ModelCIF file with pLDDT and N, C-alpha, C, O atoms, coordinates in Angstrom:
data_MODEL
#
_entry.id   MODEL 
#
_entity.id                         1 
_entity.type                       polymer 
_entity.pdbx_number_of_molecules   1 
#
_entity_poly.entity_id                      1 
_entity_poly.type                           'polypeptide(L)' 
_entity_poly.nstd_linkage                   no 
_entity_poly.nstd_monomer                   no 
_entity_poly.pdbx_seq_one_letter_code       PYEDFARDGAPAAFATPDEVLLALQTVIGAADT 
_entity_poly.pdbx_seq_one_letter_code_can   PYEDFARDGAPAAFATPDEVLLALQTVIGAADT 
_entity_poly.pdbx_strand_id                 A 
#
loop_
_entity_poly_seq.entity_id 
_entity_poly_seq.num 
_entity_poly_seq.mon_id 
_entity_poly_seq.hetero 
1 1  PRO n 
1 2  TYR n 
1 3  GLU n 
1 4  ASP n 
1 5  PHE n 
1 6  ALA n 
1 7  ARG n 
1 8  ASP n 
1 9  GLY n 
1 10 ALA n 
1 11 PRO n 
1 12 ALA n 
1 13 ALA n 
1 14 PHE n 
1 15 ALA n 
1 16 THR n 
1 17 PRO n 
1 18 ASP n 
1 19 GLU n 
1 20 VAL n 
1 21 LEU n 
1 22 LEU n 
1 23 ALA n 
1 24 LEU n 
1 25 GLN n 
1 26 THR n 
1 27 VAL n 
1 28 ILE n 
1 29 GLY n 
1 30 ALA n 
1 31 ALA n 
1 32 ASP n 
1 33 THR n 
#
_struct_asym.id          A 
_struct_asym.entity_id   1 
#
loop_
_ma_qa_metric.id 
_ma_qa_metric.mode 
_ma_qa_metric.name 
_ma_qa_metric.software_group_id 
_ma_qa_metric.type 
1 global pLDDT . pLDDT 
2 local  pLDDT . pLDDT 
#
_ma_qa_metric_global.metric_id      1 
_ma_qa_metric_global.metric_value   89.03 
_ma_qa_metric_global.model_id       1 
_ma_qa_metric_global.ordinal_id     1 
#
loop_
_ma_qa_metric_local.label_asym_id 
_ma_qa_metric_local.label_comp_id 
_ma_qa_metric_local.label_seq_id 
_ma_qa_metric_local.metric_id 
_ma_qa_metric_local.metric_value 
_ma_qa_metric_local.model_id 
_ma_qa_metric_local.ordinal_id 
A PRO 1  2 95.00 1 1  
A TYR 2  2 92.00 1 2  
A GLU 3  2 92.00 1 3  
A ASP 4  2 94.00 1 4  
A PHE 5  2 93.00 1 5  
A ALA 6  2 90.00 1 6  
A ARG 7  2 92.00 1 7  
A ASP 8  2 93.00 1 8  
A GLY 9  2 91.00 1 9  
A ALA 10 2 92.00 1 10 
A PRO 11 2 92.00 1 11 
A ALA 12 2 88.00 1 12 
A ALA 13 2 88.00 1 13 
A PHE 14 2 90.00 1 14 
A ALA 15 2 87.00 1 15 
A THR 16 2 94.00 1 16 
A PRO 17 2 94.00 1 17 
A ASP 18 2 94.00 1 18 
A GLU 19 2 95.00 1 19 
A VAL 20 2 95.00 1 20 
A LEU 21 2 94.00 1 21 
A LEU 22 2 94.00 1 22 
A ALA 23 2 94.00 1 23 
A LEU 24 2 94.00 1 24 
A GLN 25 2 92.00 1 25 
A THR 26 2 91.00 1 26 
A VAL 27 2 89.00 1 27 
A ILE 28 2 86.00 1 28 
A GLY 29 2 83.00 1 29 
A ALA 30 2 82.00 1 30 
A ALA 31 2 71.00 1 31 
A ASP 32 2 64.00 1 32 
A THR 33 2 63.00 1 33 
#
loop_
_atom_site.group_PDB 
_atom_site.id 
_atom_site.type_symbol 
_atom_site.label_atom_id 
_atom_site.label_alt_id 
_atom_site.label_comp_id 
_atom_site.label_asym_id 
_atom_site.label_entity_id 
_atom_site.label_seq_id 
_atom_site.pdbx_PDB_ins_code 
_atom_site.Cartn_x 
_atom_site.Cartn_y 
_atom_site.Cartn_z 
_atom_site.occupancy 
_atom_site.B_iso_or_equiv 
_atom_site.pdbx_formal_charge 
_atom_site.auth_seq_id 
_atom_site.auth_comp_id 
_atom_site.auth_asym_id 
_atom_site.auth_atom_id 
_atom_site.pdbx_PDB_model_num 
ATOM 1   N N  . PRO A 1 1  ? -2.010  11.049 2.699  1.00 95.00 ? 1  PRO A N  1 
ATOM 2   C CA . PRO A 1 1  ? -0.567  10.968 3.011  1.00 95.00 ? 1  PRO A CA 1 
ATOM 3   C C  . PRO A 1 1  ? -0.612  9.879  4.181  1.00 95.00 ? 1  PRO A C  1 
ATOM 4   O O  . PRO A 1 1  ? -1.393  9.584  5.086  1.00 95.00 ? 1  PRO A O  1 
ATOM 5   N N  . TYR A 1 2  ? 0.513   9.472  3.747  1.00 92.00 ? 2  TYR A N  1 
ATOM 6   C CA . TYR A 1 2  ? 1.020   8.449  5.022  1.00 92.00 ? 2  TYR A CA 1 
ATOM 7   C C  . TYR A 1 2  ? 0.546   9.150  6.212  1.00 92.00 ? 2  TYR A C  1 
ATOM 8   O O  . TYR A 1 2  ? -0.221  8.579  6.986  1.00 92.00 ? 2  TYR A O  1 
ATOM 9   N N  . GLU A 1 3  ? 1.110   10.839 6.500  1.00 92.00 ? 3  GLU A N  1 
ATOM 10  C CA . GLU A 1 3  ? 1.475   10.801 7.731  1.00 92.00 ? 3  GLU A CA 1 
ATOM 11  C C  . GLU A 1 3  ? 0.042   11.471 8.227  1.00 92.00 ? 3  GLU A C  1 
ATOM 12  O O  . GLU A 1 3  ? -0.192  11.484 9.435  1.00 92.00 ? 3  GLU A O  1 
ATOM 13  N N  . ASP A 1 4  ? -0.734  11.922 7.471  1.00 94.00 ? 4  ASP A N  1 
ATOM 14  C CA . ASP A 1 4  ? -2.488  12.087 8.022  1.00 94.00 ? 4  ASP A CA 1 
ATOM 15  C C  . ASP A 1 4  ? -2.983  10.312 8.310  1.00 94.00 ? 4  ASP A C  1 
ATOM 16  O O  . ASP A 1 4  ? -3.828  10.363 9.203  1.00 94.00 ? 4  ASP A O  1 
ATOM 17  N N  . PHE A 1 5  ? -2.817  9.198  7.991  1.00 93.00 ? 5  PHE A N  1 
ATOM 18  C CA . PHE A 1 5  ? -2.767  8.161  8.297  1.00 93.00 ? 5  PHE A CA 1 
ATOM 19  C C  . PHE A 1 5  ? -2.740  7.850  9.344  1.00 93.00 ? 5  PHE A C  1 
ATOM 20  O O  . PHE A 1 5  ? -3.631  7.290  9.984  1.00 93.00 ? 5  PHE A O  1 
ATOM 21  N N  . ALA A 1 6  ? -1.403  8.260  9.776  1.00 90.00 ? 6  ALA A N  1 
ATOM 22  C CA . ALA A 1 6  ? -0.922  7.850  10.957 1.00 90.00 ? 6  ALA A CA 1 
ATOM 23  C C  . ALA A 1 6  ? -0.990  8.805  12.251 1.00 90.00 ? 6  ALA A C  1 
ATOM 24  O O  . ALA A 1 6  ? -0.853  8.500  13.436 1.00 90.00 ? 6  ALA A O  1 
ATOM 25  N N  . ARG A 1 7  ? -1.250  10.087 11.643 1.00 92.00 ? 7  ARG A N  1 
ATOM 26  C CA . ARG A 1 7  ? -1.819  11.027 12.485 1.00 92.00 ? 7  ARG A CA 1 
ATOM 27  C C  . ARG A 1 7  ? -3.543  10.981 13.144 1.00 92.00 ? 7  ARG A C  1 
ATOM 28  O O  . ARG A 1 7  ? -3.910  11.232 14.292 1.00 92.00 ? 7  ARG A O  1 
ATOM 29  N N  . ASP A 1 8  ? -4.242  10.629 12.129 1.00 93.00 ? 8  ASP A N  1 
ATOM 30  C CA . ASP A 1 8  ? -5.759  10.969 12.493 1.00 93.00 ? 8  ASP A CA 1 
ATOM 31  C C  . ASP A 1 8  ? -6.159  9.365  12.102 1.00 93.00 ? 8  ASP A C  1 
ATOM 32  O O  . ASP A 1 8  ? -7.059  8.912  12.809 1.00 93.00 ? 8  ASP A O  1 
ATOM 33  N N  . GLY A 1 9  ? -5.822  8.797  11.465 1.00 91.00 ? 9  GLY A N  1 
ATOM 34  C CA . GLY A 1 9  ? -6.170  6.913  11.252 1.00 91.00 ? 9  GLY A CA 1 
ATOM 35  C C  . GLY A 1 9  ? -7.191  7.007  10.209 1.00 91.00 ? 9  GLY A C  1 
ATOM 36  O O  . GLY A 1 9  ? -7.397  8.102  9.686  1.00 91.00 ? 9  GLY A O  1 
ATOM 37  N N  . ALA A 1 10 ? -7.841  5.988  9.859  1.00 92.00 ? 10 ALA A N  1 
ATOM 38  C CA . ALA A 1 10 ? -8.340  6.051  8.492  1.00 92.00 ? 10 ALA A CA 1 
ATOM 39  C C  . ALA A 1 10 ? -9.621  6.671  8.684  1.00 92.00 ? 10 ALA A C  1 
ATOM 40  O O  . ALA A 1 10 ? -9.902  6.954  9.849  1.00 92.00 ? 10 ALA A O  1 
ATOM 41  N N  . PRO A 1 11 ? -10.756 7.040  7.469  1.00 92.00 ? 11 PRO A N  1 
ATOM 42  C CA . PRO A 1 11 ? -11.498 7.573  7.090  1.00 92.00 ? 11 PRO A CA 1 
ATOM 43  C C  . PRO A 1 11 ? -12.168 7.246  7.952  1.00 92.00 ? 11 PRO A C  1 
ATOM 44  O O  . PRO A 1 11 ? -11.471 6.482  8.620  1.00 92.00 ? 11 PRO A O  1 
ATOM 45  N N  . ALA A 1 12 ? -13.805 7.396  8.714  1.00 88.00 ? 12 ALA A N  1 
ATOM 46  C CA . ALA A 1 12 ? -14.361 6.938  9.072  1.00 88.00 ? 12 ALA A CA 1 
ATOM 47  C C  . ALA A 1 12 ? -15.759 5.864  8.482  1.00 88.00 ? 12 ALA A C  1 
ATOM 48  O O  . ALA A 1 12 ? -16.342 4.848  8.858  1.00 88.00 ? 12 ALA A O  1 
ATOM 49  N N  . ALA A 1 13 ? -15.819 6.911  7.262  1.00 88.00 ? 13 ALA A N  1 
ATOM 50  C CA . ALA A 1 13 ? -17.098 6.548  5.743  1.00 88.00 ? 13 ALA A CA 1 
ATOM 51  C C  . ALA A 1 13 ? -16.063 4.691  5.571  1.00 88.00 ? 13 ALA A C  1 
ATOM 52  O O  . ALA A 1 13 ? -16.453 3.652  5.038  1.00 88.00 ? 13 ALA A O  1 
ATOM 53  N N  . PHE A 1 14 ? -15.120 4.907  6.070  1.00 90.00 ? 14 PHE A N  1 
ATOM 54  C CA . PHE A 1 14 ? -14.384 3.178  5.317  1.00 90.00 ? 14 PHE A CA 1 
ATOM 55  C C  . PHE A 1 14 ? -14.522 2.103  6.331  1.00 90.00 ? 14 PHE A C  1 
ATOM 56  O O  . PHE A 1 14 ? -14.066 0.984  6.096  1.00 90.00 ? 14 PHE A O  1 
ATOM 57  N N  . ALA A 1 15 ? -15.181 2.404  7.546  1.00 87.00 ? 15 ALA A N  1 
ATOM 58  C CA . ALA A 1 15 ? -15.197 1.029  7.674  1.00 87.00 ? 15 ALA A CA 1 
ATOM 59  C C  . ALA A 1 15 ? -13.967 0.004  8.343  1.00 87.00 ? 15 ALA A C  1 
ATOM 60  O O  . ALA A 1 15 ? -14.090 -1.023 9.010  1.00 87.00 ? 15 ALA A O  1 
ATOM 61  N N  . THR A 1 16 ? -13.227 0.443  8.060  1.00 94.00 ? 16 THR A N  1 
ATOM 62  C CA . THR A 1 16 ? -11.651 -0.377 7.567  1.00 94.00 ? 16 THR A CA 1 
ATOM 63  C C  . THR A 1 16 ? -11.306 -1.703 9.061  1.00 94.00 ? 16 THR A C  1 
ATOM 64  O O  . THR A 1 16 ? -11.401 -1.200 10.181 1.00 94.00 ? 16 THR A O  1 
ATOM 65  N N  . PRO A 1 17 ? -11.108 -2.543 9.038  1.00 94.00 ? 17 PRO A N  1 
ATOM 66  C CA . PRO A 1 17 ? -11.329 -3.938 9.918  1.00 94.00 ? 17 PRO A CA 1 
ATOM 67  C C  . PRO A 1 17 ? -10.011 -3.189 10.454 1.00 94.00 ? 17 PRO A C  1 
ATOM 68  O O  . PRO A 1 17 ? -9.617  -2.226 9.796  1.00 94.00 ? 17 PRO A O  1 
ATOM 69  N N  . ASP A 1 18 ? -9.287  -3.582 11.639 1.00 94.00 ? 18 ASP A N  1 
ATOM 70  C CA . ASP A 1 18 ? -8.353  -4.072 12.534 1.00 94.00 ? 18 ASP A CA 1 
ATOM 71  C C  . ASP A 1 18 ? -7.419  -4.140 11.836 1.00 94.00 ? 18 ASP A C  1 
ATOM 72  O O  . ASP A 1 18 ? -6.484  -3.368 11.622 1.00 94.00 ? 18 ASP A O  1 
ATOM 73  N N  . GLU A 1 19 ? -7.850  -5.726 11.225 1.00 95.00 ? 19 GLU A N  1 
ATOM 74  C CA . GLU A 1 19 ? -6.393  -6.137 10.228 1.00 95.00 ? 19 GLU A CA 1 
ATOM 75  C C  . GLU A 1 19 ? -5.863  -5.077 9.579  1.00 95.00 ? 19 GLU A C  1 
ATOM 76  O O  . GLU A 1 19 ? -4.963  -4.431 10.117 1.00 95.00 ? 19 GLU A O  1 
ATOM 77  N N  . VAL A 1 20 ? -6.440  -4.682 8.086  1.00 95.00 ? 20 VAL A N  1 
ATOM 78  C CA . VAL A 1 20 ? -6.157  -3.640 7.896  1.00 95.00 ? 20 VAL A CA 1 
ATOM 79  C C  . VAL A 1 20 ? -5.040  -2.673 7.753  1.00 95.00 ? 20 VAL A C  1 
ATOM 80  O O  . VAL A 1 20 ? -4.025  -2.532 7.070  1.00 95.00 ? 20 VAL A O  1 
ATOM 81  N N  . LEU A 1 21 ? -5.962  -1.813 9.118  1.00 94.00 ? 21 LEU A N  1 
ATOM 82  C CA . LEU A 1 21 ? -5.083  -0.663 10.012 1.00 94.00 ? 21 LEU A CA 1 
ATOM 83  C C  . LEU A 1 21 ? -3.801  -1.252 9.895  1.00 94.00 ? 21 LEU A C  1 
ATOM 84  O O  . LEU A 1 21 ? -2.844  -0.937 9.188  1.00 94.00 ? 21 LEU A O  1 
ATOM 85  N N  . LEU A 1 22 ? -4.030  -2.614 11.121 1.00 94.00 ? 22 LEU A N  1 
ATOM 86  C CA . LEU A 1 22 ? -2.619  -3.248 11.946 1.00 94.00 ? 22 LEU A CA 1 
ATOM 87  C C  . LEU A 1 22 ? -1.508  -3.320 10.075 1.00 94.00 ? 22 LEU A C  1 
ATOM 88  O O  . LEU A 1 22 ? -0.332  -3.007 10.260 1.00 94.00 ? 22 LEU A O  1 
ATOM 89  N N  . ALA A 1 23 ? -1.735  -3.550 9.088  1.00 94.00 ? 23 ALA A N  1 
ATOM 90  C CA . ALA A 1 23 ? -1.325  -3.752 7.901  1.00 94.00 ? 23 ALA A CA 1 
ATOM 91  C C  . ALA A 1 23 ? -0.558  -2.483 7.319  1.00 94.00 ? 23 ALA A C  1 
ATOM 92  O O  . ALA A 1 23 ? 0.626   -2.218 7.108  1.00 94.00 ? 23 ALA A O  1 
ATOM 93  N N  . LEU A 1 24 ? -1.744  -1.835 7.160  1.00 94.00 ? 24 LEU A N  1 
ATOM 94  C CA . LEU A 1 24 ? -0.922  -0.018 6.533  1.00 94.00 ? 24 LEU A CA 1 
ATOM 95  C C  . LEU A 1 24 ? 0.054   0.061  8.041  1.00 94.00 ? 24 LEU A C  1 
ATOM 96  O O  . LEU A 1 24 ? 1.263   0.287  7.997  1.00 94.00 ? 24 LEU A O  1 
ATOM 97  N N  . GLN A 1 25 ? -0.425  -0.083 8.864  1.00 92.00 ? 25 GLN A N  1 
ATOM 98  C CA . GLN A 1 25 ? 0.579   0.690  9.709  1.00 92.00 ? 25 GLN A CA 1 
ATOM 99  C C  . GLN A 1 25 ? 1.768   -0.009 9.339  1.00 92.00 ? 25 GLN A C  1 
ATOM 100 O O  . GLN A 1 25 ? 2.318   0.542  8.385  1.00 92.00 ? 25 GLN A O  1 
ATOM 101 N N  . THR A 1 26 ? 2.411   -1.116 9.791  1.00 91.00 ? 26 THR A N  1 
ATOM 102 C CA . THR A 1 26 ? 3.310   -2.358 9.107  1.00 91.00 ? 26 THR A CA 1 
ATOM 103 C C  . THR A 1 26 ? 4.159   -1.452 8.382  1.00 91.00 ? 26 THR A C  1 
ATOM 104 O O  . THR A 1 26 ? 5.234   -0.910 8.638  1.00 91.00 ? 26 THR A O  1 
ATOM 105 N N  . VAL A 1 27 ? 2.840   -1.437 6.745  1.00 89.00 ? 27 VAL A N  1 
ATOM 106 C CA . VAL A 1 27 ? 3.569   -0.870 5.563  1.00 89.00 ? 27 VAL A CA 1 
ATOM 107 C C  . VAL A 1 27 ? 4.190   0.628  5.650  1.00 89.00 ? 27 VAL A C  1 
ATOM 108 O O  . VAL A 1 27 ? 5.130   0.940  4.918  1.00 89.00 ? 27 VAL A O  1 
ATOM 109 N N  . ILE A 1 28 ? 3.567   1.636  6.672  1.00 86.00 ? 28 ILE A N  1 
ATOM 110 C CA . ILE A 1 28 ? 3.716   2.970  6.563  1.00 86.00 ? 28 ILE A CA 1 
ATOM 111 C C  . ILE A 1 28 ? 5.227   2.356  7.779  1.00 86.00 ? 28 ILE A C  1 
ATOM 112 O O  . ILE A 1 28 ? 6.151   2.629  7.013  1.00 86.00 ? 28 ILE A O  1 
ATOM 113 N N  . GLY A 1 29 ? 5.892   1.801  8.981  1.00 83.00 ? 29 GLY A N  1 
ATOM 114 C CA . GLY A 1 29 ? 6.332   1.727  9.169  1.00 83.00 ? 29 GLY A CA 1 
ATOM 115 C C  . GLY A 1 29 ? 7.711   1.202  8.720  1.00 83.00 ? 29 GLY A C  1 
ATOM 116 O O  . GLY A 1 29 ? 8.826   1.600  9.059  1.00 83.00 ? 29 GLY A O  1 
ATOM 117 N N  . ALA A 1 30 ? 7.416   0.361  8.003  1.00 82.00 ? 30 ALA A N  1 
ATOM 118 C CA . ALA A 1 30 ? 9.129   0.007  7.167  1.00 82.00 ? 30 ALA A CA 1 
ATOM 119 C C  . ALA A 1 30 ? 9.239   0.423  6.367  1.00 82.00 ? 30 ALA A C  1 
ATOM 120 O O  . ALA A 1 30 ? 10.353  0.226  5.882  1.00 82.00 ? 30 ALA A O  1 
ATOM 121 N N  . ALA A 1 31 ? 7.974   1.609  5.254  1.00 71.00 ? 31 ALA A N  1 
ATOM 122 C CA . ALA A 1 31 ? 8.626   2.463  4.359  1.00 71.00 ? 31 ALA A CA 1 
ATOM 123 C C  . ALA A 1 31 ? 9.682   3.825  5.218  1.00 71.00 ? 31 ALA A C  1 
ATOM 124 O O  . ALA A 1 31 ? 10.478  4.454  4.521  1.00 71.00 ? 31 ALA A O  1 
ATOM 125 N N  . ASP A 1 32 ? 9.572   4.093  6.519  1.00 64.00 ? 32 ASP A N  1 
ATOM 126 C CA . ASP A 1 32 ? 9.951   5.134  7.371  1.00 64.00 ? 32 ASP A CA 1 
ATOM 127 C C  . ASP A 1 32 ? 11.793  4.336  7.359  1.00 64.00 ? 32 ASP A C  1 
ATOM 128 O O  . ASP A 1 32 ? 12.751  5.016  6.993  1.00 64.00 ? 32 ASP A O  1 
ATOM 129 N N  . THR A 1 33 ? 11.924  3.136  7.734  1.00 63.00 ? 33 THR A N  1 
ATOM 130 C CA . THR A 1 33 ? 13.107  2.949  7.975  1.00 63.00 ? 33 THR A CA 1 
ATOM 131 C C  . THR A 1 33 ? 13.122  2.527  6.827  1.00 63.00 ? 33 THR A C  1 
ATOM 132 O O  . THR A 1 33 ? 14.170  2.105  6.338  1.00 63.00 ? 33 THR A O  1 
#
């Protein structure tokens, strides 16, 4: 869920690049507004 990602971040097992983390945060921020 978006809320869990906002609170906990990406799952550690996925080695998520900063570029993807920032893009997901932008998507969630846009969805919330």
